[in-house]
Amino acid sequence: MSFFRTLFIILVIWYGVKLVTKYLFPLFMQKTMKDMQSRMEGQIRQQQQSQRNEGEITVQQDRNKRNNGQKEGEYVDFEEVD
């Protein structure tokens, strides 16, 4: 009886894996590919917008870095004391 129970469990797991790979895995991959495609389209759009004429000057600031009105520091010239 134990042999049939083990065989039954193995068959259920086998067919479960087959069903998952046949139906759920392609859906997951389709969603992943769609997300990657939208990210790539966004990058292409950003590159096309960033193309500028020759001689045009732009200043880009780091968006991740926030200054909050504080100075980062100033240069101090120290002199050696004898």
C-alpha atoms as a PDB file:
ATOM      1  CA  MET A   1       0.000   0.000   0.000  1.00  0.00           C
ATOM      2  CA  SER A   2       2.871   2.343   0.806  1.00  0.00           C
ATOM      3  CA  PHE A   3       4.323   1.759  -2.667  1.00  0.00           C
ATOM      4  CA  PHE A   4       1.096   2.831  -4.397  1.00  0.00           C
ATOM      5  CA  ARG A   5       0.787   5.875  -2.194  1.00  0.00           C
ATOM      6  CA  THR A   6       4.363   6.933  -3.036  1.00  0.00           C
ATOM      7  CA  LEU A   7       3.758   6.255  -6.722  1.00  0.00           C
ATOM      8  CA  PHE A   8       0.551   8.316  -6.596  1.00  0.00           C
ATOM      9  CA  ILE A   9       2.353  11.245  -4.924  1.00  0.00           C
ATOM     10  CA  ILE A  10       5.131  11.101  -7.530  1.00  0.00           C
ATOM     11  CA  LEU A  11       2.583  11.101 -10.371  1.00  0.00           C
ATOM     12  CA  VAL A  12       0.654  14.035  -8.858  1.00  0.00           C
ATOM     13  CA  ILE A  13       3.872  16.030  -8.487  1.00  0.00           C
ATOM     14  CA  TRP A  14       4.942  15.081 -12.037  1.00  0.00           C
ATOM     15  CA  TYR A  15       1.673  16.193 -13.626  1.00  0.00           C
ATOM     16  CA  GLY A  16       1.552  19.267 -11.402  1.00  0.00           C
ATOM     17  CA  VAL A  17       4.974  20.345 -12.658  1.00  0.00           C
ATOM     18  CA  LYS A  18       3.893  19.663 -16.253  1.00  0.00           C
ATOM     19  CA  LEU A  19       0.785  21.814 -15.842  1.00  0.00           C
ATOM     20  CA  VAL A  20       2.742  24.644 -14.245  1.00  0.00           C
ATOM     21  CA  THR A  21       5.368  24.646 -16.969  1.00  0.00           C
ATOM     22  CA  LYS A  22       2.740  24.375 -19.700  1.00  0.00           C
ATOM     23  CA  TYR A  23       0.359  27.121 -18.540  1.00  0.00           C
ATOM     24  CA  LEU A  24       1.779  29.312 -15.769  1.00  0.00           C
ATOM     25  CA  PHE A  25       5.404  29.615 -16.877  1.00  0.00           C
ATOM     26  CA  PRO A  26       4.522  31.052 -20.320  1.00  0.00           C
ATOM     27  CA  LEU A  27       2.225  33.618 -18.667  1.00  0.00           C
ATOM     28  CA  PHE A  28       5.012  34.626 -16.297  1.00  0.00           C
ATOM     29  CA  MET A  29       7.505  34.909 -19.157  1.00  0.00           C
ATOM     30  CA  GLN A  30       5.043  36.919 -21.255  1.00  0.00           C
ATOM     31  CA  LYS A  31       4.574  39.423 -18.413  1.00  0.00           C
ATOM     32  CA  THR A  32       8.345  39.630 -17.863  1.00  0.00           C
ATOM     33  CA  MET A  33       9.018  40.215 -21.560  1.00  0.00           C
ATOM     34  CA  LYS A  34       6.319  42.905 -21.719  1.00  0.00           C
ATOM     35  CA  ASP A  35       7.902  44.703 -18.735  1.00  0.00           C
ATOM     36  CA  MET A  36      11.354  44.507 -20.314  1.00  0.00           C
ATOM     37  CA  GLN A  37       9.988  45.812 -23.608  1.00  0.00           C
ATOM     38  CA  SER A  38       8.351  48.804 -21.924  1.00  0.00           C
ATOM     39  CA  ARG A  39      11.592  49.607 -20.060  1.00  0.00           C
ATOM     40  CA  MET A  40      13.576  49.445 -23.298  1.00  0.00           C
ATOM     41  CA  GLU A  41      11.050  51.694 -25.058  1.00  0.00           C
ATOM     42  CA  GLY A  42      11.400  54.186 -22.213  1.00  0.00           C
ATOM     43  CA  GLN A  43      15.180  54.131 -22.523  1.00  0.00           C
ATOM     44  CA  ILE A  44      14.970  54.659 -26.285  1.00  0.00           C
ATOM     45  CA  ARG A  45      12.563  57.570 -25.802  1.00  0.00           C
ATOM     46  CA  GLN A  46      14.909  59.080 -23.230  1.00  0.00           C
ATOM     47  CA  GLN A  47      17.880  58.733 -25.584  1.00  0.00           C
ATOM     48  CA  GLN A  48      15.969  60.332 -28.433  1.00  0.00           C
ATOM     49  CA  GLN A  49      15.003  63.251 -26.232  1.00  0.00           C
ATOM     50  CA  SER A  50      18.562  63.692 -25.044  1.00  0.00           C
ATOM     51  CA  GLN A  51      19.969  64.052 -28.577  1.00  0.00           C
ATOM     52  CA  ARG A  52      20.919  67.691 -28.974  1.00  0.00           C
ATOM     53  CA  ASN A  53      22.238  69.922 -31.695  1.00  0.00           C
ATOM     54  CA  GLU A  54      25.965  70.441 -32.001  1.00  0.00           C
ATOM     55  CA  GLY A  55      27.168  73.222 -29.713  1.00  0.00           C
ATOM     56  CA  GLU A  56      24.105  73.182 -27.472  1.00  0.00           C
ATOM     57  CA  ILE A  57      25.009  73.307 -23.796  1.00  0.00           C
ATOM     58  CA  THR A  58      22.972  71.637 -21.066  1.00  0.00           C
ATOM     59  CA  VAL A  59      23.498  71.201 -17.350  1.00  0.00           C
ATOM     60  CA  GLN A  60      22.219  68.016 -15.763  1.00  0.00           C
ATOM     61  CA  GLN A  61      21.906  67.744 -12.013  1.00  0.00           C
ATOM     62  CA  ASP A  62      21.883  64.538 -10.046  1.00  0.00           C
ATOM     63  CA  ARG A  63      18.259  63.948  -9.042  1.00  0.00           C
ATOM     64  CA  ASN A  64      19.179  61.457  -6.349  1.00  0.00           C
ATOM     65  CA  LYS A  65      21.365  63.975  -4.551  1.00  0.00           C
ATOM     66  CA  ARG A  66      19.403  66.495  -2.504  1.00  0.00           C
ATOM     67  CA  ASN A  67      21.132  69.542  -1.108  1.00  0.00           C
ATOM     68  CA  ASN A  68      18.318  71.000   1.059  1.00  0.00           C
ATOM     69  CA  GLY A  69      19.921  74.456   0.944  1.00  0.00           C
ATOM     70  CA  GLN A  70      23.052  73.394   2.821  1.00  0.00           C
ATOM     71  CA  LYS A  71      26.541  74.036   1.571  1.00  0.00           C
ATOM     72  CA  GLU A  72      28.659  70.989   1.149  1.00  0.00           C
ATOM     73  CA  GLY A  73      31.605  72.778   2.717  1.00  0.00           C
ATOM     74  CA  GLU A  74      34.213  75.265   1.840  1.00  0.00           C
ATOM     75  CA  TYR A  75      37.930  75.077   1.412  1.00  0.00           C
ATOM     76  CA  VAL A  76      39.992  75.954   4.493  1.00  0.00           C
ATOM     77  CA  ASP A  77      43.706  76.596   4.147  1.00  0.00           C
ATOM     78  CA  PHE A  78      45.476  75.448   7.303  1.00  0.00           C
ATOM     79  CA  GLU A  79      48.887  76.740   8.236  1.00  0.00           C
ATOM     80  CA  GLU A  80      51.397  74.854  10.318  1.00  0.00           C
ATOM     81  CA  VAL A  81      52.089  76.292  13.756  1.00  0.00           C
ATOM     82  CA  ASP A  82      55.720  76.053  14.987  1.00  0.00           C
END
